[in-house]
Amino acid sequence: MMCGVPSAAQPATAETQNVADQVRSQLEEKENKKFPVFKAVSFRSQVVAGTNYFIKVHVGDEEFVHLRVFQSLPHENKPLTFSNYQTNKAKHDELSYF
């Protein structure tokens, strides 16, 4: 993967689910609701001075959210940064960069 170029969408992994789980409470607080389901289904990554993750998460019924999470470089020893999100997404919506 080239620096700065987002990867193609791929199925979520255990690592992707872990990233999503770490920002779940922040999303629930921003949306003022608890999600009955929180399952990462696909993701893209972008290597910058760390890694941006763009994650599609199933949150119940036919509803999905798209998350943007930044993971700094390991030597910086910083927590994940919940950068942005989009709600009211459908299963067929392409995972975008935002």
PDB file of N, CA and C in Angstrom:
ATOM      1  N   MET A   1       0.827  -1.174   0.000  1.00  0.00           N
ATOM      2  CA  MET A   1       0.000   0.000   0.000  1.00  0.00           C
ATOM      3  C   MET A   1       0.874   1.242   0.000  1.00  0.00           C
ATOM      4  N   MET A   2       0.510   2.211  -0.829  1.00  0.00           N
ATOM      5  CA  MET A   2       1.260   3.455  -0.886  1.00  0.00           C
ATOM      6  C   MET A   2       0.748   4.413   0.184  1.00  0.00           C
ATOM      7  N   CYS A   3       1.651   5.197   0.738  1.00  0.00           N
ATOM      8  CA  CYS A   3       1.276   6.202   1.724  1.00  0.00           C
ATOM      9  C   CYS A   3       0.276   7.174   1.119  1.00  0.00           C
ATOM     10  N   GLY A   4      -0.769   7.480   1.877  1.00  0.00           N
ATOM     11  CA  GLY A   4      -1.762   8.454   1.461  1.00  0.00           C
ATOM     12  C   GLY A   4      -2.843   7.926   0.552  1.00  0.00           C
ATOM     13  N   VAL A   5      -2.666   6.749  -0.008  1.00  0.00           N
ATOM     14  CA  VAL A   5      -3.657   6.174  -0.914  1.00  0.00           C
ATOM     15  C   VAL A   5      -4.521   5.186  -0.140  1.00  0.00           C
ATOM     16  N   PRO A   6      -5.832   5.444  -0.041  1.00  0.00           N
ATOM     17  CA  PRO A   6      -6.708   4.511   0.682  1.00  0.00           C
ATOM     18  C   PRO A   6      -6.748   3.147  -0.006  1.00  0.00           C
ATOM     19  N   SER A   7      -6.869   2.119   0.805  1.00  0.00           N
ATOM     20  CA  SER A   7      -6.967   0.759   0.276  1.00  0.00           C
ATOM     21  C   SER A   7      -8.349   0.541  -0.322  1.00  0.00           C
ATOM     22  N   ALA A   8      -8.484  -0.546  -1.042  1.00  0.00           N
ATOM     23  CA  ALA A   8      -9.794  -0.969  -1.517  1.00  0.00           C
ATOM     24  C   ALA A   8     -10.596  -1.472  -0.314  1.00  0.00           C
ATOM     25  N   ALA A   9     -11.909  -1.412  -0.416  1.00  0.00           N
ATOM     26  CA  ALA A   9     -12.760  -1.936   0.656  1.00  0.00           C
ATOM     27  C   ALA A   9     -12.521  -3.438   0.786  1.00  0.00           C
ATOM     28  N   GLN A  10     -12.487  -3.904   2.016  1.00  0.00           N
ATOM     29  CA  GLN A  10     -12.285  -5.323   2.276  1.00  0.00           C
ATOM     30  C   GLN A  10     -13.103  -5.735   3.486  1.00  0.00           C
ATOM     31  N   PRO A  11     -13.356  -7.025   3.655  1.00  0.00           N
ATOM     32  CA  PRO A  11     -14.130  -7.477   4.804  1.00  0.00           C
ATOM     33  C   PRO A  11     -13.442  -7.112   6.120  1.00  0.00           C
ATOM     34  N   ALA A  12     -14.257  -6.801   7.108  1.00  0.00           N
ATOM     35  CA  ALA A  12     -13.721  -6.449   8.427  1.00  0.00           C
ATOM     36  C   ALA A  12     -12.979  -7.631   9.033  1.00  0.00           C
ATOM     37  N   THR A  13     -11.985  -7.311   9.838  1.00  0.00           N
ATOM     38  CA  THR A  13     -11.177  -8.307  10.542  1.00  0.00           C
ATOM     39  C   THR A  13     -11.404  -8.141  12.044  1.00  0.00           C
ATOM     40  N   ALA A  14     -10.806  -9.022  12.823  1.00  0.00           N
ATOM     41  CA  ALA A  14     -10.879  -8.889  14.281  1.00  0.00           C
ATOM     42  C   ALA A  14     -10.261  -7.564  14.728  1.00  0.00           C
ATOM     43  N   GLU A  15      -9.188  -7.152  14.063  1.00  0.00           N
ATOM     44  CA  GLU A  15      -8.544  -5.874  14.397  1.00  0.00           C
ATOM     45  C   GLU A  15      -9.489  -4.704  14.103  1.00  0.00           C
ATOM     46  N   THR A  16     -10.180  -4.769  12.975  1.00  0.00           N
ATOM     47  CA  THR A  16     -11.133  -3.719  12.614  1.00  0.00           C
ATOM     48  C   THR A  16     -12.250  -3.646  13.648  1.00  0.00           C
ATOM     49  N   GLN A  17     -12.767  -4.808  14.060  1.00  0.00           N
ATOM     50  CA  GLN A  17     -13.825  -4.838  15.071  1.00  0.00           C
ATOM     51  C   GLN A  17     -13.325  -4.229  16.380  1.00  0.00           C
ATOM     52  N   ASN A  18     -12.090  -4.523  16.730  1.00  0.00           N
ATOM     53  CA  ASN A  18     -11.501  -3.968  17.951  1.00  0.00           C
ATOM     54  C   ASN A  18     -11.431  -2.443  17.876  1.00  0.00           C
ATOM     55  N   VAL A  19     -11.026  -1.910  16.738  1.00  0.00           N
ATOM     56  CA  VAL A  19     -10.967  -0.453  16.550  1.00  0.00           C
ATOM     57  C   VAL A  19     -12.370   0.139  16.712  1.00  0.00           C
ATOM     58  N   ALA A  20     -13.355  -0.459  16.054  1.00  0.00           N
ATOM     59  CA  ALA A  20     -14.738   0.027  16.143  1.00  0.00           C
ATOM     60  C   ALA A  20     -15.240  -0.039  17.592  1.00  0.00           C
ATOM     61  N   ASP A  21     -14.969  -1.137  18.269  1.00  0.00           N
ATOM     62  CA  ASP A  21     -15.418  -1.297  19.658  1.00  0.00           C
ATOM     63  C   ASP A  21     -14.851  -0.202  20.561  1.00  0.00           C
ATOM     64  N   GLN A  22     -13.626   0.211  20.292  1.00  0.00           N
ATOM     65  CA  GLN A  22     -12.987   1.222  21.141  1.00  0.00           C
ATOM     66  C   GLN A  22     -13.618   2.604  21.006  1.00  0.00           C
ATOM     67  N   VAL A  23     -14.330   2.863  19.905  1.00  0.00           N
ATOM     68  CA  VAL A  23     -14.971   4.176  19.738  1.00  0.00           C
ATOM     69  C   VAL A  23     -16.501   4.090  19.857  1.00  0.00           C
ATOM     70  N   ARG A  24     -17.036   2.911  20.114  1.00  0.00           N
ATOM     71  CA  ARG A  24     -18.494   2.724  20.203  1.00  0.00           C
ATOM     72  C   ARG A  24     -19.128   3.671  21.206  1.00  0.00           C
ATOM     73  N   SER A  25     -18.581   3.749  22.406  1.00  0.00           N
ATOM     74  CA  SER A  25     -19.200   4.595  23.438  1.00  0.00           C
ATOM     75  C   SER A  25     -19.199   6.063  23.027  1.00  0.00           C
ATOM     76  N   GLN A  26     -18.178   6.503  22.312  1.00  0.00           N
ATOM     77  CA  GLN A  26     -18.132   7.893  21.841  1.00  0.00           C
ATOM     78  C   GLN A  26     -19.240   8.157  20.822  1.00  0.00           C
ATOM     79  N   LEU A  27     -19.456   7.206  19.913  1.00  0.00           N
ATOM     80  CA  LEU A  27     -20.524   7.346  18.928  1.00  0.00           C
ATOM     81  C   LEU A  27     -21.882   7.345  19.622  1.00  0.00           C
ATOM     82  N   GLU A  28     -22.088   6.424  20.556  1.00  0.00           N
ATOM     83  CA  GLU A  28     -23.362   6.351  21.260  1.00  0.00           C
ATOM     84  C   GLU A  28     -23.636   7.637  22.038  1.00  0.00           C
ATOM     85  N   GLU A  29     -22.601   8.230  22.583  1.00  0.00           N
ATOM     86  CA  GLU A  29     -22.758   9.493  23.300  1.00  0.00           C
ATOM     87  C   GLU A  29     -23.134  10.619  22.327  1.00  0.00           C
ATOM     88  N   LYS A  30     -22.465  10.690  21.187  1.00  0.00           N
ATOM     89  CA  LYS A  30     -22.755  11.732  20.198  1.00  0.00           C
ATOM     90  C   LYS A  30     -24.172  11.589  19.638  1.00  0.00           C
ATOM     91  N   GLU A  31     -24.613  10.354  19.441  1.00  0.00           N
ATOM     92  CA  GLU A  31     -25.941  10.098  18.879  1.00  0.00           C
ATOM     93  C   GLU A  31     -27.022  10.012  19.963  1.00  0.00           C
ATOM     94  N   ASN A  32     -26.609  10.013  21.217  1.00  0.00           N
ATOM     95  CA  ASN A  32     -27.516   9.909  22.364  1.00  0.00           C
ATOM     96  C   ASN A  32     -28.420   8.677  22.270  1.00  0.00           C
ATOM     97  N   LYS A  33     -27.796   7.548  21.920  1.00  0.00           N
ATOM     98  CA  LYS A  33     -28.534   6.282  21.861  1.00  0.00           C
ATOM     99  C   LYS A  33     -27.565   5.113  21.952  1.00  0.00           C
ATOM    100  N   LYS A  34     -28.091   3.990  22.390  1.00  0.00           N
ATOM    101  CA  LYS A  34     -27.324   2.747  22.454  1.00  0.00           C
ATOM    102  C   LYS A  34     -27.689   1.910  21.236  1.00  0.00           C
ATOM    103  N   PHE A  35     -26.688   1.338  20.616  1.00  0.00           N
ATOM    104  CA  PHE A  35     -26.925   0.497  19.446  1.00  0.00           C
ATOM    105  C   PHE A  35     -27.023  -0.961  19.876  1.00  0.00           C
ATOM    106  N   PRO A  36     -28.088  -1.668  19.451  1.00  0.00           N
ATOM    107  CA  PRO A  36     -28.267  -3.061  19.862  1.00  0.00           C
ATOM    108  C   PRO A  36     -27.219  -4.000  19.245  1.00  0.00           C
ATOM    109  N   VAL A  37     -26.695  -3.611  18.106  1.00  0.00           N
ATOM    110  CA  VAL A  37     -25.686  -4.388  17.386  1.00  0.00           C
ATOM    111  C   VAL A  37     -24.558  -3.417  17.044  1.00  0.00           C
ATOM    112  N   PHE A  38     -23.335  -3.888  17.006  1.00  0.00           N
ATOM    113  CA  PHE A  38     -22.209  -3.042  16.604  1.00  0.00           C
ATOM    114  C   PHE A  38     -21.165  -3.937  15.962  1.00  0.00           C
ATOM    115  N   LYS A  39     -21.430  -4.311  14.703  1.00  0.00           N
ATOM    116  CA  LYS A  39     -20.580  -5.282  14.019  1.00  0.00           C
ATOM    117  C   LYS A  39     -19.933  -4.643  12.793  1.00  0.00           C
ATOM    118  N   ALA A  40     -18.618  -4.550  12.825  1.00  0.00           N
ATOM    119  CA  ALA A  40     -17.871  -4.044  11.675  1.00  0.00           C
ATOM    120  C   ALA A  40     -18.027  -5.036  10.523  1.00  0.00           C
ATOM    121  N   VAL A  41     -18.381  -4.530   9.346  1.00  0.00           N
ATOM    122  CA  VAL A  41     -18.587  -5.427   8.205  1.00  0.00           C
ATOM    123  C   VAL A  41     -17.545  -5.233   7.103  1.00  0.00           C
ATOM    124  N   SER A  42     -17.054  -4.007   6.945  1.00  0.00           N
ATOM    125  CA  SER A  42     -16.011  -3.768   5.950  1.00  0.00           C
ATOM    126  C   SER A  42     -15.208  -2.544   6.358  1.00  0.00           C
ATOM    127  N   PHE A  43     -14.055  -2.384   5.707  1.00  0.00           N
ATOM    128  CA  PHE A  43     -13.219  -1.232   6.034  1.00  0.00           C
ATOM    129  C   PHE A  43     -12.271  -0.912   4.891  1.00  0.00           C
ATOM    130  N   ARG A  44     -11.753   0.296   4.958  1.00  0.00           N
ATOM    131  CA  ARG A  44     -10.653   0.768   4.120  1.00  0.00           C
ATOM    132  C   ARG A  44      -9.644   1.356   5.091  1.00  0.00           C
ATOM    133  N   SER A  45      -8.395   1.347   4.723  1.00  0.00           N
ATOM    134  CA  SER A  45      -7.385   1.986   5.562  1.00  0.00           C
ATOM    135  C   SER A  45      -6.543   2.905   4.689  1.00  0.00           C
ATOM    136  N   GLN A  46      -5.958   3.905   5.335  1.00  0.00           N
ATOM    137  CA  GLN A  46      -5.129   4.882   4.635  1.00  0.00           C
ATOM    138  C   GLN A  46      -3.927   5.179   5.526  1.00  0.00           C
ATOM    139  N   VAL A  47      -2.745   4.862   5.032  1.00  0.00           N
ATOM    140  CA  VAL A  47      -1.526   5.108   5.786  1.00  0.00           C
ATOM    141  C   VAL A  47      -1.104   6.547   5.567  1.00  0.00           C
ATOM    142  N   VAL A  48      -1.044   7.279   6.655  1.00  0.00           N
ATOM    143  CA  VAL A  48      -0.563   8.660   6.650  1.00  0.00           C
ATOM    144  C   VAL A  48       0.527   8.696   7.725  1.00  0.00           C
ATOM    145  N   ALA A  49       0.532   9.657   8.610  1.00  0.00           N
ATOM    146  CA  ALA A  49       1.459   9.628   9.752  1.00  0.00           C
ATOM    147  C   ALA A  49       0.758   8.838  10.848  1.00  0.00           C
ATOM    148  N   GLY A  50       0.431   7.619  10.541  1.00  0.00           N
ATOM    149  CA  GLY A  50      -0.410   6.724  11.337  1.00  0.00           C
ATOM    150  C   GLY A  50      -1.352   6.058  10.343  1.00  0.00           C
ATOM    151  N   THR A  51      -2.525   5.647  10.802  1.00  0.00           N
ATOM    152  CA  THR A  51      -3.487   4.997   9.912  1.00  0.00           C
ATOM    153  C   THR A  51      -4.887   5.538  10.139  1.00  0.00           C
ATOM    154  N   ASN A  52      -5.549   5.943   9.050  1.00  0.00           N
ATOM    155  CA  ASN A  52      -6.974   6.259   9.089  1.00  0.00           C
ATOM    156  C   ASN A  52      -7.729   4.985   8.757  1.00  0.00           C
ATOM    157  N   TYR A  53      -8.733   4.668   9.566  1.00  0.00           N
ATOM    158  CA  TYR A  53      -9.627   3.552   9.276  1.00  0.00           C
ATOM    159  C   TYR A  53     -10.993   4.122   8.931  1.00  0.00           C
ATOM    160  N   PHE A  54     -11.552   3.656   7.832  1.00  0.00           N
ATOM    161  CA  PHE A  54     -12.908   3.987   7.433  1.00  0.00           C
ATOM    162  C   PHE A  54     -13.679   2.673   7.565  1.00  0.00           C
ATOM    163  N   ILE A  55     -14.606   2.611   8.520  1.00  0.00           N
ATOM    164  CA  ILE A  55     -15.237   1.339   8.874  1.00  0.00           C
ATOM    165  C   ILE A  55     -16.749   1.430   8.719  1.00  0.00           C
ATOM    166  N   LYS A  56     -17.329   0.455   8.004  1.00  0.00           N
ATOM    167  CA  LYS A  56     -18.786   0.334   7.917  1.00  0.00           C
ATOM    168  C   LYS A  56     -19.223  -0.610   9.037  1.00  0.00           C
ATOM    169  N   VAL A  57     -20.155  -0.116   9.878  1.00  0.00           N
ATOM    170  CA  VAL A  57     -20.606  -0.877  11.040  1.00  0.00           C
ATOM    171  C   VAL A  57     -22.120  -1.076  10.973  1.00  0.00           C
ATOM    172  N   HIS A  58     -22.556  -2.319  11.132  1.00  0.00           N
ATOM    173  CA  HIS A  58     -23.986  -2.636  11.223  1.00  0.00           C
ATOM    174  C   HIS A  58     -24.410  -2.334  12.653  1.00  0.00           C
ATOM    175  N   VAL A  59     -25.459  -1.500  12.811  1.00  0.00           N
ATOM    176  CA  VAL A  59     -25.888  -1.096  14.159  1.00  0.00           C
ATOM    177  C   VAL A  59     -27.310  -1.546  14.484  1.00  0.00           C
ATOM    178  N   GLY A  60     -27.853  -2.452  13.703  1.00  0.00           N
ATOM    179  CA  GLY A  60     -29.184  -2.991  13.974  1.00  0.00           C
ATOM    180  C   GLY A  60     -30.133  -2.768  12.809  1.00  0.00           C
ATOM    181  N   ASP A  61     -31.122  -3.650  12.693  1.00  0.00           N
ATOM    182  CA  ASP A  61     -32.086  -3.621  11.602  1.00  0.00           C
ATOM    183  C   ASP A  61     -31.347  -3.498  10.273  1.00  0.00           C
ATOM    184  N   GLU A  62     -31.726  -2.546   9.462  1.00  0.00           N
ATOM    185  CA  GLU A  62     -31.057  -2.331   8.174  1.00  0.00           C
ATOM    186  C   GLU A  62     -30.184  -1.084   8.224  1.00  0.00           C
ATOM    187  N   GLU A  63     -29.767  -0.687   9.419  1.00  0.00           N
ATOM    188  CA  GLU A  63     -29.022   0.560   9.592  1.00  0.00           C
ATOM    189  C   GLU A  63     -27.527   0.307   9.757  1.00  0.00           C
ATOM    190  N   PHE A  64     -26.762   1.169   9.106  1.00  0.00           N
ATOM    191  CA  PHE A  64     -25.306   1.123   9.165  1.00  0.00           C
ATOM    192  C   PHE A  64     -24.787   2.518   9.452  1.00  0.00           C
ATOM    193  N   VAL A  65     -23.597   2.594  10.043  1.00  0.00           N
ATOM    194  CA  VAL A  65     -22.890   3.865  10.199  1.00  0.00           C
ATOM    195  C   VAL A  65     -21.503   3.688   9.606  1.00  0.00           C
ATOM    196  N   HIS A  66     -20.934   4.784   9.162  1.00  0.00           N
ATOM    197  CA  HIS A  66     -19.563   4.787   8.674  1.00  0.00           C
ATOM    198  C   HIS A  66     -18.734   5.570   9.678  1.00  0.00           C
ATOM    199  N   LEU A  67     -17.643   4.985  10.121  1.00  0.00           N
ATOM    200  CA  LEU A  67     -16.759   5.603  11.106  1.00  0.00           C
ATOM    201  C   LEU A  67     -15.433   5.976  10.463  1.00  0.00           C
ATOM    202  N   ARG A  68     -14.847   7.043  10.947  1.00  0.00           N
ATOM    203  CA  ARG A  68     -13.471   7.388  10.585  1.00  0.00           C
ATOM    204  C   ARG A  68     -12.695   7.461  11.892  1.00  0.00           C
ATOM    205  N   VAL A  69     -11.670   6.624  11.999  1.00  0.00           N
ATOM    206  CA  VAL A  69     -10.877   6.537  13.226  1.00  0.00           C
ATOM    207  C   VAL A  69      -9.400   6.626  12.852  1.00  0.00           C
ATOM    208  N   PHE A  70      -8.664   7.423  13.597  1.00  0.00           N
ATOM    209  CA  PHE A  70      -7.235   7.582  13.344  1.00  0.00           C
ATOM    210  C   PHE A  70      -6.438   6.865  14.427  1.00  0.00           C
ATOM    211  N   GLN A  71      -5.472   6.050  13.996  1.00  0.00           N
ATOM    212  CA  GLN A  71      -4.559   5.365  14.909  1.00  0.00           C
ATOM    213  C   GLN A  71      -3.160   5.927  14.656  1.00  0.00           C
ATOM    214  N   SER A  72      -2.611   6.552  15.698  1.00  0.00           N
ATOM    215  CA  SER A  72      -1.276   7.146  15.553  1.00  0.00           C
ATOM    216  C   SER A  72      -0.213   6.060  15.446  1.00  0.00           C
ATOM    217  N   LEU A  73       0.989   6.477  15.145  1.00  0.00           N
ATOM    218  CA  LEU A  73       2.103   5.532  15.055  1.00  0.00           C
ATOM    219  C   LEU A  73       2.372   4.914  16.430  1.00  0.00           C
ATOM    220  N   PRO A  74       2.776   3.651  16.468  1.00  0.00           N
ATOM    221  CA  PRO A  74       2.958   2.946  17.747  1.00  0.00           C
ATOM    222  C   PRO A  74       3.871   3.668  18.739  1.00  0.00           C
ATOM    223  N   HIS A  75       4.954   4.254  18.273  1.00  0.00           N
ATOM    224  CA  HIS A  75       5.892   4.890  19.199  1.00  0.00           C
ATOM    225  C   HIS A  75       5.312   6.148  19.861  1.00  0.00           C
ATOM    226  N   GLU A  76       4.220   6.688  19.309  1.00  0.00           N
ATOM    227  CA  GLU A  76       3.594   7.869  19.905  1.00  0.00           C
ATOM    228  C   GLU A  76       2.746   7.517  21.120  1.00  0.00           C
ATOM    229  N   ASN A  77       2.336   6.248  21.213  1.00  0.00           N
ATOM    230  CA  ASN A  77       1.592   5.747  22.372  1.00  0.00           C
ATOM    231  C   ASN A  77       0.369   6.613  22.694  1.00  0.00           C
ATOM    232  N   LYS A  78      -0.435   6.921  21.675  1.00  0.00           N
ATOM    233  CA  LYS A  78      -1.638   7.734  21.842  1.00  0.00           C
ATOM    234  C   LYS A  78      -2.875   6.870  21.630  1.00  0.00           C
ATOM    235  N   PRO A  79      -3.994   7.241  22.264  1.00  0.00           N
ATOM    236  CA  PRO A  79      -5.233   6.484  22.036  1.00  0.00           C
ATOM    237  C   PRO A  79      -5.790   6.750  20.643  1.00  0.00           C
ATOM    238  N   LEU A  80      -6.724   5.910  20.235  1.00  0.00           N
ATOM    239  CA  LEU A  80      -7.412   6.110  18.956  1.00  0.00           C
ATOM    240  C   LEU A  80      -8.154   7.436  18.987  1.00  0.00           C
ATOM    241  N   THR A  81      -8.251   8.074  17.836  1.00  0.00           N
ATOM    242  CA  THR A  81      -9.005   9.315  17.716  1.00  0.00           C
ATOM    243  C   THR A  81     -10.232   9.052  16.853  1.00  0.00           C
ATOM    244  N   PHE A  82     -11.396   9.261  17.433  1.00  0.00           N
ATOM    245  CA  PHE A  82     -12.661   9.121  16.711  1.00  0.00           C
ATOM    246  C   PHE A  82     -12.859  10.410  15.923  1.00  0.00           C
ATOM    247  N   SER A  83     -12.537  10.393  14.635  1.00  0.00           N
ATOM    248  CA  SER A  83     -12.478  11.611  13.824  1.00  0.00           C
ATOM    249  C   SER A  83     -13.824  12.094  13.315  1.00  0.00           C
ATOM    250  N   ASN A  84     -14.649  11.180  12.796  1.00  0.00           N
ATOM    251  CA  ASN A  84     -15.883  11.582  12.143  1.00  0.00           C
ATOM    252  C   ASN A  84     -16.774  10.360  11.961  1.00  0.00           C
ATOM    253  N   TYR A  85     -18.020  10.604  11.600  1.00  0.00           N
ATOM    254  CA  TYR A  85     -18.932   9.492  11.322  1.00  0.00           C
ATOM    255  C   TYR A  85     -20.086   9.969  10.465  1.00  0.00           C
ATOM    256  N   GLN A  86     -20.760   9.013   9.827  1.00  0.00           N
ATOM    257  CA  GLN A  86     -21.953   9.276   9.024  1.00  0.00           C
ATOM    258  C   GLN A  86     -22.999   8.251   9.417  1.00  0.00           C
ATOM    259  N   THR A  87     -24.225   8.698   9.670  1.00  0.00           N
ATOM    260  CA  THR A  87     -25.307   7.795  10.058  1.00  0.00           C
ATOM    261  C   THR A  87     -26.274   7.612   8.896  1.00  0.00           C
ATOM    262  N   ASN A  88     -27.294   6.792   9.142  1.00  0.00           N
ATOM    263  CA  ASN A  88     -28.351   6.534   8.153  1.00  0.00           C
ATOM    264  C   ASN A  88     -27.797   5.974   6.847  1.00  0.00           C
ATOM    265  N   LYS A  89     -26.850   5.085   6.956  1.00  0.00           N
ATOM    266  CA  LYS A  89     -26.282   4.415   5.789  1.00  0.00           C
ATOM    267  C   LYS A  89     -26.981   3.069   5.617  1.00  0.00           C
ATOM    268  N   ALA A  90     -27.019   2.604   4.381  1.00  0.00           N
ATOM    269  CA  ALA A  90     -27.624   1.309   4.066  1.00  0.00           C
ATOM    270  C   ALA A  90     -26.531   0.299   3.740  1.00  0.00           C
ATOM    271  N   LYS A  91     -26.915  -0.964   3.738  1.00  0.00           N
ATOM    272  CA  LYS A  91     -25.967  -2.040   3.467  1.00  0.00           C
ATOM    273  C   LYS A  91     -25.259  -1.856   2.124  1.00  0.00           C
ATOM    274  N   HIS A  92     -25.974  -1.383   1.130  1.00  0.00           N
ATOM    275  CA  HIS A  92     -25.402  -1.250  -0.216  1.00  0.00           C
ATOM    276  C   HIS A  92     -24.601   0.044  -0.407  1.00  0.00           C
ATOM    277  N   ASP A  93     -24.646   0.980   0.557  1.00  0.00           N
ATOM    278  CA  ASP A  93     -23.885   2.224   0.414  1.00  0.00           C
ATOM    279  C   ASP A  93     -22.387   1.939   0.427  1.00  0.00           C
ATOM    280  N   GLU A  94     -21.709   2.510  -0.557  1.00  0.00           N
ATOM    281  CA  GLU A  94     -20.261   2.329  -0.633  1.00  0.00           C
ATOM    282  C   GLU A  94     -19.581   3.080   0.503  1.00  0.00           C
ATOM    283  N   LEU A  95     -18.580   2.469   1.085  1.00  0.00           N
ATOM    284  CA  LEU A  95     -17.809   3.083   2.150  1.00  0.00           C
ATOM    285  C   LEU A  95     -16.960   4.190   1.558  1.00  0.00           C
ATOM    286  N   SER A  96     -17.219   5.414   1.994  1.00  0.00           N
ATOM    287  CA  SER A  96     -16.521   6.566   1.409  1.00  0.00           C
ATOM    288  C   SER A  96     -15.478   7.125   2.360  1.00  0.00           C
ATOM    289  N   TYR A  97     -14.741   8.093   1.877  1.00  0.00           N
ATOM    290  CA  TYR A  97     -13.743   8.795   2.687  1.00  0.00           C
ATOM    291  C   TYR A  97     -14.372  10.122   3.059  1.00  0.00           C
ATOM    292  N   PHE A  98     -14.338  10.453   4.309  1.00  0.00           N
ATOM    293  CA  PHE A  98     -14.964  11.704   4.749  1.00  0.00           C
ATOM    294  C   PHE A  98     -14.141  12.336   5.838  1.00  0.00           C
TER     295      PHE A  98
END
